[in-house]
N, C-alpha and C. Protein backbone atom coordinates (compact mmCIF):
# COMPACT_ATOMS: atom_id res chain seq x y z
N MET A 1 128.74 92.78 91.06
CA MET A 1 127.98 93.97 90.90
C MET A 1 126.80 93.75 91.36
N ARG A 2 125.86 92.73 90.92
CA ARG A 2 124.46 92.52 91.25
C ARG A 2 124.51 92.10 92.56
N SER A 3 125.51 91.63 93.14
CA SER A 3 125.24 91.27 94.50
C SER A 3 125.22 92.73 95.44
N GLN A 4 126.09 93.50 94.94
CA GLN A 4 126.27 94.85 95.68
C GLN A 4 124.79 95.51 95.59
N ARG A 5 124.33 95.51 94.39
CA ARG A 5 123.15 96.13 94.31
C ARG A 5 121.85 95.59 94.98
N LEU A 6 121.93 94.20 95.36
CA LEU A 6 120.97 93.69 96.08
C LEU A 6 121.17 94.15 97.48
N ASP A 7 122.30 94.06 97.74
CA ASP A 7 122.65 94.35 99.05
C ASP A 7 122.38 95.57 99.50
N SER A 8 122.41 96.66 98.65
CA SER A 8 122.06 98.22 98.83
C SER A 8 120.77 98.12 98.92
N LEU A 9 119.81 97.50 98.10
CA LEU A 9 118.33 97.34 97.91
C LEU A 9 117.75 96.93 99.45
N VAL A 10 118.34 95.80 99.80
CA VAL A 10 117.78 95.31 101.24
C VAL A 10 118.13 96.30 102.52
N MET A 11 119.60 97.06 102.19
CA MET A 11 119.74 98.06 103.27
C MET A 11 118.73 99.13 103.17
N GLU A 12 118.48 99.69 101.98
CA GLU A 12 117.66 100.85 101.87
C GLU A 12 116.03 100.36 102.27
N VAL A 13 115.80 99.45 101.74
CA VAL A 13 114.31 98.90 102.46
C VAL A 13 114.36 98.93 103.97
N LYS A 14 115.29 98.48 104.51
CA LYS A 14 115.30 98.56 106.03
C LYS A 14 115.37 99.80 106.51
N ARG A 15 115.98 100.78 105.85
CA ARG A 15 115.96 102.45 106.30
C ARG A 15 114.77 102.93 106.23
N LYS A 16 114.02 102.75 104.97
CA LYS A 16 112.90 103.22 104.66
C LYS A 16 111.81 102.73 105.31
N GLY A 17 111.89 101.39 105.84
CA GLY A 17 111.01 101.02 107.07
C GLY A 17 110.89 101.98 108.21
N ILE A 18 112.17 102.42 108.52
CA ILE A 18 111.93 103.27 109.60
C ILE A 18 111.46 104.58 109.31
N HIS A 19 111.86 105.00 108.05
CA HIS A 19 111.37 106.28 107.42
C HIS A 19 109.76 106.37 107.41
N LEU A 20 109.12 105.36 107.27
CA LEU A 20 107.63 105.11 107.16
C LEU A 20 107.12 105.65 108.53
N SER A 21 107.87 105.62 109.49
CA SER A 21 107.17 105.96 110.89
C SER A 21 106.62 107.48 110.65
N GLY A 22 107.06 108.05 109.83
CA GLY A 22 106.68 109.59 109.69
C GLY A 22 105.14 109.36 109.31
N LEU A 23 104.64 108.31 108.88
CA LEU A 23 103.14 108.10 108.62
C LEU A 23 102.44 108.43 109.98
N SER A 24 103.09 108.27 111.05
CA SER A 24 102.16 108.68 112.18
C SER A 24 101.92 110.12 112.44
N VAL A 25 102.71 111.00 111.67
CA VAL A 25 102.30 112.24 111.91
C VAL A 25 100.88 112.71 111.00
N PRO A 26 100.57 112.10 110.01
CA PRO A 26 99.36 112.38 109.51
C PRO A 26 98.08 111.74 110.17
N ALA A 27 98.51 110.81 110.62
CA ALA A 27 97.38 109.87 111.51
C ALA A 27 97.15 110.70 112.89
N ALA A 28 98.39 111.38 113.42
CA ALA A 28 98.13 112.12 114.74
C ALA A 28 97.26 113.36 114.43
N ILE A 29 97.46 114.00 113.41
CA ILE A 29 96.84 115.05 112.81
C ILE A 29 95.33 114.83 112.97
N ILE A 30 95.00 113.63 112.24
CA ILE A 30 93.57 113.25 112.02
C ILE A 30 92.83 112.98 113.46
N LEU A 31 93.73 112.05 114.19
CA LEU A 31 92.94 111.67 115.40
C LEU A 31 93.11 112.61 116.50
N PHE A 32 94.06 113.67 116.57
CA PHE A 32 94.56 114.32 117.91
C PHE A 32 94.38 115.96 117.67
N GLY A 33 94.61 116.11 116.10
CA GLY A 33 94.62 117.64 116.04
C GLY A 33 96.01 118.22 115.63
N LYS A 34 96.06 119.40 115.22
CA LYS A 34 97.41 120.04 114.90
C LYS A 34 98.03 120.40 116.09
N VAL A 35 97.76 120.99 117.17
CA VAL A 35 98.20 121.21 118.39
C VAL A 35 98.70 120.20 119.07
N ALA A 36 98.33 119.25 119.47
CA ALA A 36 98.62 117.87 120.11
C ALA A 36 99.77 117.32 119.30
N THR A 37 99.58 117.14 117.97
CA THR A 37 100.67 116.62 117.07
C THR A 37 101.96 117.38 117.01
N ALA A 38 101.87 118.86 116.91
CA ALA A 38 103.00 119.52 116.99
C ALA A 38 103.70 119.34 118.48
N GLY A 39 103.20 119.11 119.37
CA GLY A 39 103.40 118.76 120.71
C GLY A 39 104.45 117.36 120.79
N PHE A 40 103.68 116.36 120.00
CA PHE A 40 104.28 115.06 120.14
C PHE A 40 105.67 115.18 119.13
N VAL A 41 105.70 116.04 118.02
CA VAL A 41 106.75 116.08 117.23
C VAL A 41 107.67 116.70 117.80
N ALA A 42 107.52 117.72 118.39
CA ALA A 42 108.67 118.57 119.35
C ALA A 42 109.18 117.74 120.26
N LEU A 43 108.48 116.91 121.13
CA LEU A 43 109.06 116.13 122.06
C LEU A 43 109.89 115.02 121.28
N ALA A 44 109.30 114.58 120.35
CA ALA A 44 110.20 113.56 119.50
C ALA A 44 111.62 114.06 118.88
N LEU A 45 111.37 115.44 118.62
CA LEU A 45 112.84 116.25 118.23
C LEU A 45 113.50 116.13 119.27
N LEU A 46 113.27 116.73 120.38
CA LEU A 46 114.07 116.86 121.50
C LEU A 46 114.71 115.50 121.99
N VAL A 47 114.08 114.16 122.09
CA VAL A 47 114.82 113.11 122.20
C VAL A 47 115.69 112.78 120.98
N ALA A 48 115.21 113.02 119.98
CA ALA A 48 116.40 112.66 118.94
C ALA A 48 117.62 113.51 118.67
N LEU A 49 117.40 114.75 119.24
CA LEU A 49 118.64 115.47 119.43
C LEU A 49 119.50 115.20 120.56
N PHE A 50 118.88 114.73 121.80
CA PHE A 50 119.77 114.17 122.69
C PHE A 50 120.50 112.94 122.27
N LEU A 51 119.76 112.17 121.51
CA LEU A 51 120.36 110.91 121.02
C LEU A 51 121.49 111.36 119.97
N GLU A 52 121.23 112.29 119.12
CA GLU A 52 122.12 112.60 118.24
C GLU A 52 123.48 113.31 118.55
N ARG A 53 123.36 114.02 119.95
CA ARG A 53 124.41 114.42 120.50
C ARG A 53 125.16 113.49 120.93
N ARG A 54 124.86 112.31 121.52
CA ARG A 54 125.29 111.25 121.97
C ARG A 54 126.26 110.45 121.14
N ARG A 55 125.37 110.28 119.84
CA ARG A 55 126.06 109.62 118.77
C ARG A 55 127.36 110.33 118.27
N LEU A 56 127.10 111.73 117.89
CA LEU A 56 128.45 112.35 117.30
C LEU A 56 129.36 112.51 118.60
N SER A 57 129.05 112.11 119.63
CA SER A 57 130.42 112.24 120.64
C SER A 57 130.95 110.72 120.75
N GLY A 58 130.19 109.80 119.92
CA GLY A 58 130.88 108.35 120.10
C GLY A 58 130.33 107.57 121.36
N LYS A 59 129.13 107.93 121.90
CA LYS A 59 128.66 107.31 123.11
C LYS A 59 127.74 106.42 122.80
N ILE A 60 126.91 106.30 121.56
CA ILE A 60 125.98 105.34 121.19
C ILE A 60 126.40 105.23 119.80
N ARG A 61 125.40 104.03 119.27
CA ARG A 61 125.45 103.82 117.61
C ARG A 61 124.20 103.81 117.42
N LEU A 62 123.71 104.36 116.26
CA LEU A 62 122.40 104.05 115.57
C LEU A 62 122.41 103.28 114.52
N PRO A 63 121.73 102.26 114.27
CA PRO A 63 121.69 101.20 113.01
C PRO A 63 121.30 102.02 111.71
N SER A 64 120.36 102.67 111.92
CA SER A 64 119.97 103.66 110.52
C SER A 64 120.62 104.63 110.01
N VAL A 65 121.62 105.05 110.47
CA VAL A 65 122.64 106.42 110.06
C VAL A 65 123.35 105.71 109.08
N ARG A 66 123.54 106.49 107.94
CA ARG A 66 124.43 106.24 106.79
C ARG A 66 125.87 106.46 106.96
N ASP A 67 126.77 105.85 106.11
CA ASP A 67 128.26 105.87 106.45
C ASP A 67 128.58 107.16 106.37
N HIS A 68 128.23 108.19 105.48
CA HIS A 68 128.48 109.51 105.20
C HIS A 68 128.00 110.48 106.23
N GLU A 69 127.03 109.81 107.10
CA GLU A 69 126.50 110.60 108.35
C GLU A 69 127.20 110.63 109.59
N ALA A 70 128.66 109.77 109.56
CA ALA A 70 129.09 109.26 110.62
C ALA A 70 129.50 110.55 111.43
N ASP A 71 130.00 111.63 110.79
CA ASP A 71 130.48 112.87 111.38
C ASP A 71 129.82 114.17 111.37
N ARG A 72 128.53 113.76 110.82
CA ARG A 72 127.61 114.85 110.62
C ARG A 72 126.19 114.64 110.88
N VAL A 73 125.36 115.47 111.11
CA VAL A 73 124.06 115.50 111.49
C VAL A 73 123.16 114.61 110.75
N ALA A 74 122.53 113.50 111.21
CA ALA A 74 121.94 112.35 110.37
C ALA A 74 120.70 113.15 109.88
N GLY A 75 120.17 112.39 108.93
CA GLY A 75 118.90 112.49 108.03
C GLY A 75 117.64 112.51 109.16
N TYR A 76 117.75 111.60 110.13
CA TYR A 76 116.34 111.72 110.72
C TYR A 76 116.11 112.97 111.71
N ILE A 77 117.13 113.56 111.94
CA ILE A 77 116.87 115.04 112.67
C ILE A 77 116.42 115.93 111.68
N TYR A 78 116.66 116.04 110.36
CA TYR A 78 116.10 116.95 109.43
C TYR A 78 114.60 116.40 109.02
N TYR A 79 114.40 115.17 109.06
CA TYR A 79 113.14 114.49 108.94
C TYR A 79 112.29 115.04 109.97
N ILE A 80 112.53 114.88 111.22
CA ILE A 80 111.79 115.46 112.31
C ILE A 80 111.43 116.80 112.32
N SER A 81 112.62 117.80 112.03
CA SER A 81 112.56 119.00 111.98
C SER A 81 111.53 119.55 110.79
N GLY A 82 111.85 118.97 109.70
CA GLY A 82 110.73 119.10 108.75
C GLY A 82 109.34 118.80 108.92
N ALA A 83 109.18 117.96 109.65
CA ALA A 83 107.79 117.48 110.20
C ALA A 83 107.12 118.48 111.15
N LEU A 84 108.14 118.85 112.03
CA LEU A 84 107.42 119.80 113.01
C LEU A 84 107.19 121.15 112.41
N LEU A 85 108.07 121.61 111.52
CA LEU A 85 107.64 123.03 110.75
C LEU A 85 106.53 122.72 109.88
N THR A 86 106.36 121.66 109.25
CA THR A 86 105.23 121.52 108.29
C THR A 86 103.91 121.45 109.22
N VAL A 87 103.93 120.65 110.36
CA VAL A 87 102.64 120.81 111.24
C VAL A 87 102.35 122.17 111.57
N LEU A 88 103.33 122.96 112.02
CA LEU A 88 103.16 124.25 112.56
C LEU A 88 102.69 125.34 111.81
N LEU A 89 103.33 125.38 110.45
CA LEU A 89 103.15 126.39 109.34
C LEU A 89 101.87 126.17 108.53
N PHE A 90 101.51 124.84 108.27
CA PHE A 90 100.19 124.68 107.22
C PHE A 90 99.17 124.14 107.81
N PRO A 91 97.88 124.60 107.09
CA PRO A 91 96.70 123.78 107.61
C PRO A 91 96.86 122.28 107.39
N PRO A 92 95.99 121.65 108.49
CA PRO A 92 96.15 120.22 108.56
C PRO A 92 96.10 119.59 107.26
N GLN A 93 95.19 119.77 106.38
CA GLN A 93 95.08 118.97 105.08
C GLN A 93 96.20 119.06 104.22
N VAL A 94 96.83 120.36 104.28
CA VAL A 94 98.32 120.48 103.57
C VAL A 94 99.41 119.81 104.27
N ALA A 95 99.53 119.53 105.48
CA ALA A 95 100.54 119.25 106.31
C ALA A 95 100.33 117.78 106.17
N ILE A 96 99.11 117.02 106.25
CA ILE A 96 99.07 115.65 105.94
C ILE A 96 99.46 115.26 104.82
N ALA A 97 99.05 115.93 103.51
CA ALA A 97 99.66 115.36 102.40
C ALA A 97 101.12 115.68 102.06
N ALA A 98 101.63 116.88 102.64
CA ALA A 98 103.16 116.93 102.58
C ALA A 98 103.98 115.88 103.35
N MET A 99 103.33 115.57 104.56
CA MET A 99 104.12 114.37 105.14
C MET A 99 103.80 113.05 104.45
N LEU A 100 102.91 112.71 103.91
CA LEU A 100 102.45 111.59 103.13
C LEU A 100 103.53 111.43 101.89
N MET A 101 103.96 112.63 101.18
CA MET A 101 104.66 112.69 100.10
C MET A 101 106.03 112.30 100.56
N LEU A 102 106.43 113.00 101.81
CA LEU A 102 107.83 112.53 102.24
C LEU A 102 108.02 111.20 102.60
N SER A 103 107.17 110.69 103.39
CA SER A 103 106.97 109.36 103.90
C SER A 103 107.16 108.24 102.54
N LEU A 104 106.21 108.50 101.85
CA LEU A 104 105.99 107.48 100.48
C LEU A 104 106.94 107.78 99.56
N GLY A 105 106.74 109.13 99.01
CA GLY A 105 107.57 109.33 97.96
C GLY A 105 109.16 109.22 98.21
N ASP A 106 109.54 109.83 99.17
CA ASP A 106 110.92 109.74 99.46
C ASP A 106 111.36 108.31 99.63
N ALA A 107 110.48 107.32 100.15
CA ALA A 107 110.84 106.01 100.31
C ALA A 107 110.93 105.33 98.94
N ALA A 108 110.03 105.67 98.11
CA ALA A 108 110.09 105.17 96.63
C ALA A 108 111.38 105.49 95.95
N SER A 109 111.64 106.68 96.33
CA SER A 109 113.01 107.34 95.76
C SER A 109 114.16 106.63 96.29
N GLY A 110 114.43 106.39 97.49
CA GLY A 110 115.45 105.61 97.97
C GLY A 110 115.61 104.20 97.52
N ILE A 111 114.57 103.47 97.44
CA ILE A 111 114.36 102.15 97.11
C ILE A 111 114.77 101.95 95.55
N ILE A 112 114.24 102.77 95.03
CA ILE A 112 114.40 102.90 93.49
C ILE A 112 115.86 103.14 93.15
N GLY A 113 116.36 104.29 93.90
CA GLY A 113 117.85 104.85 93.71
C GLY A 113 118.83 103.80 94.29
N SER A 114 118.45 102.94 95.07
CA SER A 114 119.47 101.88 95.51
C SER A 114 119.85 100.82 94.36
N VAL A 115 119.05 100.81 93.28
CA VAL A 115 119.54 99.81 92.34
C VAL A 115 119.60 100.65 90.96
N VAL A 116 119.56 101.95 90.86
CA VAL A 116 119.82 102.98 89.82
C VAL A 116 121.20 103.57 89.85
N ARG A 117 122.27 103.47 89.15
CA ARG A 117 123.47 104.08 89.19
C ARG A 117 123.27 105.53 89.30
N GLY A 118 124.24 106.22 90.23
CA GLY A 118 124.25 107.64 89.99
C GLY A 118 123.09 108.29 90.81
N SER A 119 122.32 107.67 91.73
CA SER A 119 121.27 108.38 92.54
C SER A 119 121.49 108.90 93.64
N ALA A 120 122.67 108.79 94.33
CA ALA A 120 123.21 109.34 95.48
C ALA A 120 123.94 110.56 95.25
N VAL A 121 123.06 111.74 94.61
CA VAL A 121 123.64 113.07 94.26
C VAL A 121 124.08 113.89 95.49
N ARG A 122 123.32 113.93 96.36
CA ARG A 122 123.70 114.93 97.59
C ARG A 122 125.00 114.12 98.23
N THR A 123 125.02 112.85 98.35
CA THR A 123 126.20 112.38 98.95
C THR A 123 127.61 112.64 97.98
N GLY A 124 127.25 112.59 96.76
CA GLY A 124 128.31 112.77 95.52
C GLY A 124 128.77 114.19 95.68
N ILE A 125 128.02 115.27 95.91
CA ILE A 125 128.42 116.77 96.27
C ILE A 125 129.13 116.59 97.33
N MET A 126 128.64 116.19 98.49
CA MET A 126 129.42 116.32 99.69
C MET A 126 131.02 115.74 99.36
N GLU A 127 131.01 114.63 98.56
CA GLU A 127 132.32 114.20 98.23
C GLU A 127 133.07 114.64 97.11
N GLY A 128 132.62 115.93 96.68
CA GLY A 128 133.36 116.74 95.73
C GLY A 128 133.08 116.43 94.29
N GLN A 129 131.96 115.59 94.19
CA GLN A 129 131.45 115.44 92.64
C GLN A 129 130.77 116.49 92.20
N SER A 130 130.63 116.63 90.84
CA SER A 130 129.94 117.82 90.06
C SER A 130 128.38 117.80 90.55
N TRP A 131 127.90 118.99 90.54
CA TRP A 131 126.15 118.96 90.62
C TRP A 131 125.57 118.26 89.46
N ARG A 132 124.30 117.54 89.97
CA ARG A 132 123.57 116.62 88.95
C ARG A 132 122.31 116.36 89.90
N PRO A 133 121.16 116.36 88.95
CA PRO A 133 119.84 115.73 89.68
C PRO A 133 119.73 114.33 89.52
N LYS A 134 119.03 113.73 90.27
CA LYS A 134 118.71 112.11 90.12
C LYS A 134 118.44 111.71 88.92
N PRO A 135 118.84 110.64 88.62
CA PRO A 135 118.36 109.89 87.32
C PRO A 135 116.82 110.00 87.00
N LEU A 136 116.49 109.84 85.93
CA LEU A 136 115.26 109.97 85.47
C LEU A 136 114.05 108.92 85.97
N PRO A 137 114.70 107.75 85.84
CA PRO A 137 113.94 106.47 86.46
C PRO A 137 113.43 106.94 88.00
N VAL A 138 114.44 107.50 88.86
CA VAL A 138 114.10 107.77 90.24
C VAL A 138 113.22 108.89 90.25
N VAL A 139 113.38 109.73 89.35
CA VAL A 139 112.29 111.08 89.41
C VAL A 139 110.94 110.57 88.93
N ALA A 140 110.93 109.62 87.86
CA ALA A 140 109.49 109.08 87.45
C ALA A 140 108.92 108.52 88.63
N GLY A 141 109.52 107.49 89.17
CA GLY A 141 109.03 106.64 90.35
C GLY A 141 108.66 107.49 91.63
N THR A 142 109.39 108.45 91.86
CA THR A 142 109.03 109.42 92.92
C THR A 142 107.80 110.17 92.71
N PHE A 143 107.72 111.02 91.29
CA PHE A 143 106.70 111.66 90.96
C PHE A 143 105.35 110.91 90.99
N ALA A 144 105.45 109.55 90.55
CA ALA A 144 104.17 108.45 90.52
C ALA A 144 103.55 108.41 91.73
N VAL A 145 104.65 107.99 92.80
CA VAL A 145 104.28 107.64 94.16
C VAL A 145 103.46 109.05 94.83
N CYS A 146 104.12 110.22 94.38
CA CYS A 146 103.51 111.41 95.04
C CYS A 146 102.17 111.82 94.38
N LEU A 147 102.02 111.59 93.24
CA LEU A 147 100.77 111.72 92.51
C LEU A 147 99.65 110.91 92.97
N LEU A 148 99.99 109.62 93.20
CA LEU A 148 99.20 108.63 93.75
C LEU A 148 98.81 109.24 95.17
N VAL A 149 99.85 109.68 96.07
CA VAL A 149 99.22 110.32 97.36
C VAL A 149 98.50 111.22 97.32
N GLY A 150 98.67 112.28 96.37
CA GLY A 150 97.84 113.32 96.20
C GLY A 150 96.66 113.06 95.79
N TYR A 151 96.40 111.92 94.73
CA TYR A 151 95.00 111.66 94.33
C TYR A 151 94.34 111.13 95.33
N ALA A 152 95.04 110.07 96.28
CA ALA A 152 94.23 109.36 97.42
C ALA A 152 93.62 110.36 98.49
N ALA A 153 94.41 111.37 98.55
CA ALA A 153 94.25 112.51 99.57
C ALA A 153 93.18 113.13 99.10
N TYR A 154 93.01 113.56 97.80
CA TYR A 154 91.78 114.25 97.22
C TYR A 154 90.56 113.39 97.38
N LEU A 155 90.70 112.19 97.06
CA LEU A 155 89.58 111.48 97.35
C LEU A 155 88.89 111.40 98.54
N LEU A 156 89.92 111.15 99.64
CA LEU A 156 89.61 110.79 100.99
C LEU A 156 89.31 111.99 101.81
N GLU A 157 89.84 113.28 101.48
CA GLU A 157 89.81 114.40 102.32
C GLU A 157 88.36 114.71 102.75
N GLY A 158 87.22 114.41 101.93
CA GLY A 158 85.75 114.60 102.41
C GLY A 158 85.50 113.94 103.75
N ASN A 159 86.29 112.77 103.77
CA ASN A 159 85.90 112.05 105.25
C ASN A 159 86.54 112.68 106.38
N PHE A 160 87.36 113.72 106.33
CA PHE A 160 88.20 114.35 107.53
C PHE A 160 87.83 115.78 107.46
N PHE A 161 87.63 116.42 106.47
CA PHE A 161 87.44 118.07 106.26
C PHE A 161 86.16 118.19 105.68
N SER A 162 85.88 119.61 105.69
CA SER A 162 84.77 120.19 104.73
C SER A 162 84.56 121.29 104.42
N GLY A 163 83.82 121.86 103.58
CA GLY A 163 83.90 123.03 103.40
C GLY A 163 85.12 123.88 102.57
N PRO A 164 85.54 125.01 103.13
CA PRO A 164 86.81 125.70 102.77
C PRO A 164 88.10 124.93 102.79
N GLU A 165 88.02 123.86 103.65
CA GLU A 165 89.12 123.15 104.09
C GLU A 165 89.62 122.26 102.88
N LEU A 166 88.55 121.75 102.19
CA LEU A 166 88.62 120.99 100.98
C LEU A 166 89.94 121.35 99.95
N LEU A 167 90.74 120.63 99.41
CA LEU A 167 91.57 121.24 98.25
C LEU A 167 91.08 120.47 97.06
N SER A 168 91.33 121.27 95.91
CA SER A 168 91.09 120.60 94.69
C SER A 168 92.24 119.83 94.18
N PHE A 169 92.14 118.99 93.11
CA PHE A 169 93.13 118.01 92.76
C PHE A 169 94.44 118.87 92.21
N PRO A 170 94.22 120.18 91.44
CA PRO A 170 95.51 120.56 90.92
C PRO A 170 96.41 121.09 92.14
N VAL A 171 95.83 121.28 93.32
CA VAL A 171 96.72 121.58 94.57
C VAL A 171 97.46 120.64 94.87
N TYR A 172 96.99 119.18 95.00
CA TYR A 172 97.69 117.94 95.14
C TYR A 172 98.64 117.72 94.04
N LEU A 173 98.35 118.12 92.75
CA LEU A 173 99.28 118.06 91.76
C LEU A 173 100.49 118.85 91.83
N VAL A 174 100.28 120.08 92.14
CA VAL A 174 101.31 121.03 92.38
C VAL A 174 102.24 120.41 93.79
N GLY A 175 101.67 119.90 94.59
CA GLY A 175 102.54 119.50 95.64
C GLY A 175 103.27 118.21 95.17
N ALA A 176 102.65 117.33 94.45
CA ALA A 176 103.54 116.07 94.17
C ALA A 176 104.68 116.47 93.29
N ALA A 177 104.23 117.56 92.39
CA ALA A 177 105.86 117.97 91.35
C ALA A 177 106.65 118.58 92.24
N THR A 178 106.30 119.54 93.41
CA THR A 178 107.18 120.20 94.07
C THR A 178 107.92 118.91 95.02
N ALA A 179 107.24 118.05 95.73
CA ALA A 179 107.88 117.16 96.51
C ALA A 179 108.91 116.47 95.47
N THR A 180 108.70 116.07 94.22
CA THR A 180 109.61 115.27 93.29
C THR A 180 111.06 116.07 93.22
N PHE A 181 110.46 117.42 92.99
CA PHE A 181 111.62 118.32 92.72
C PHE A 181 112.59 118.59 93.89
N ALA A 182 111.96 118.69 95.09
CA ALA A 182 112.85 118.65 96.35
C ALA A 182 113.69 117.37 96.40
N ASP A 183 113.11 116.26 96.15
CA ASP A 183 113.89 115.16 96.15
C ASP A 183 115.22 115.06 94.78
N ALA A 184 114.60 115.15 93.89
CA ALA A 184 115.43 114.89 92.73
C ALA A 184 116.75 116.08 92.61
N VAL A 185 116.34 117.29 93.09
CA VAL A 185 117.46 118.52 92.83
C VAL A 185 118.12 118.79 94.22
N PRO A 186 119.30 118.71 94.26
CA PRO A 186 120.33 119.11 95.39
C PRO A 186 120.17 120.48 95.49
N LEU A 187 119.51 120.90 96.43
CA LEU A 187 119.56 122.34 96.89
C LEU A 187 120.59 122.91 97.94
N SER A 188 121.11 123.83 97.89
CA SER A 188 122.20 124.10 98.70
C SER A 188 121.82 125.56 99.46
N PHE A 189 122.45 125.96 100.62
CA PHE A 189 122.29 127.04 101.48
C PHE A 189 123.71 127.39 101.75
N ARG A 190 124.43 128.37 101.48
CA ARG A 190 125.85 128.95 101.87
C ARG A 190 126.77 127.82 101.57
N GLY A 191 126.68 126.92 100.52
CA GLY A 191 127.59 126.10 100.21
C GLY A 191 127.33 124.67 100.69
N ARG A 192 126.32 124.59 101.51
CA ARG A 192 125.98 123.15 102.01
C ARG A 192 124.73 122.86 101.47
N VAL A 193 124.52 121.52 101.30
CA VAL A 193 123.28 120.79 100.52
C VAL A 193 122.36 120.70 101.75
N ILE A 194 121.27 120.86 101.29
CA ILE A 194 120.19 120.56 102.40
C ILE A 194 119.47 119.46 102.23
N ASP A 195 119.18 118.79 103.15
CA ASP A 195 118.82 117.37 103.38
C ASP A 195 117.30 117.47 102.56
N ASP A 196 117.00 116.38 102.02
CA ASP A 196 115.69 116.45 101.35
C ASP A 196 114.63 116.00 102.28
N ASN A 197 115.24 115.34 103.57
CA ASN A 197 114.03 115.20 104.52
C ASN A 197 113.49 116.33 105.03
N PHE A 198 114.00 117.41 104.78
CA PHE A 198 113.49 118.76 105.25
C PHE A 198 112.89 119.65 104.23
N THR A 199 113.66 119.50 103.00
CA THR A 199 112.84 120.30 101.89
C THR A 199 111.65 119.68 101.49
N ILE A 200 111.69 118.48 101.44
CA ILE A 200 110.48 117.68 100.79
C ILE A 200 108.96 118.37 101.55
N PRO A 201 108.86 117.93 102.79
CA PRO A 201 107.65 118.53 103.31
C PRO A 201 107.55 120.04 103.26
N VAL A 202 108.61 120.72 103.54
CA VAL A 202 108.45 122.40 103.57
C VAL A 202 108.10 122.81 102.53
N LEU A 203 108.76 122.42 101.22
CA LEU A 203 108.55 123.03 100.01
C LEU A 203 107.26 122.59 99.33
N SER A 204 107.03 121.30 99.42
CA SER A 204 105.73 120.83 98.79
C SER A 204 104.42 121.39 99.76
N GLY A 205 104.63 121.40 101.04
CA GLY A 205 103.56 122.26 101.79
C GLY A 205 103.41 123.59 101.65
N SER A 206 104.37 124.37 101.19
CA SER A 206 104.47 125.80 100.97
C SER A 206 103.74 125.93 99.38
N ALA A 207 104.30 124.89 98.44
CA ALA A 207 103.56 125.03 97.18
C ALA A 207 101.97 124.73 97.38
N MET A 208 101.67 123.66 98.03
CA MET A 208 100.14 123.49 98.06
C MET A 208 99.42 124.48 98.70
N PHE A 209 100.20 125.24 99.87
CA PHE A 209 99.33 126.27 100.65
C PHE A 209 99.07 127.30 99.62
N PHE A 210 100.01 128.01 98.89
CA PHE A 210 99.93 128.85 97.97
C PHE A 210 98.98 128.55 96.65
N ALA A 211 99.17 127.63 96.30
CA ALA A 211 98.20 127.02 95.20
C ALA A 211 96.76 126.86 95.44
N SER A 212 96.52 126.31 96.93
CA SER A 212 95.24 126.51 97.52
C SER A 212 94.60 127.86 97.37
N LEU A 213 95.36 128.96 97.38
CA LEU A 213 94.84 130.41 97.29
C LEU A 213 94.31 130.67 95.67
N LEU A 214 94.63 129.73 94.89
CA LEU A 214 94.35 130.08 93.45
C LEU A 214 93.11 128.95 93.07
N TRP A 215 93.36 127.73 93.59
CA TRP A 215 92.37 126.69 93.41
C TRP A 215 91.69 126.22 94.42
N VAL A 216 90.42 126.45 94.43
CA VAL A 216 89.52 126.45 95.68
C VAL A 216 88.61 125.40 95.42
């Protein structure tokens, strides 16, 4: 059992290493701006859709795909789609924070969840298990990382933005809580579980955007 958990941890660390490539989106927003970043992400999505079509047809194999994604659209498609929508919909500072919470918060969730029993709640629902949120240690770890991300963004935002573009700390706190909720609670639409790679940035970005209208 211990060996299985160690193997699961090692595999999850490898997957989340790829997952951290999403940090390129905040970096691109800072370096090149919103419009150029949207173009880069859109191009990445087109390439990913081409690869995914070939994977699902059995023509290629991708090492980062989970076993339960063998016959369905893989998480990286939802990741890039969520990133593109986040960049397009929200102001740059909100999009940056939302993508950081996805990249780092979800990475923490996956790594902690790989050694905490009962963490694969979305996979469980797909396999017919009853609905449940992720275990408390996973939720607490995800929130801690997202809160640290929000606090760091709050401290550093003055280096990249000014005036009305600056967000108050409560805005980032709301974003951290929403990102944690999106990761921990399996949301569904028309009976299908929505991938958290999509819901984390979109929901946390939406929450921060509306919170910013209240706290300036």
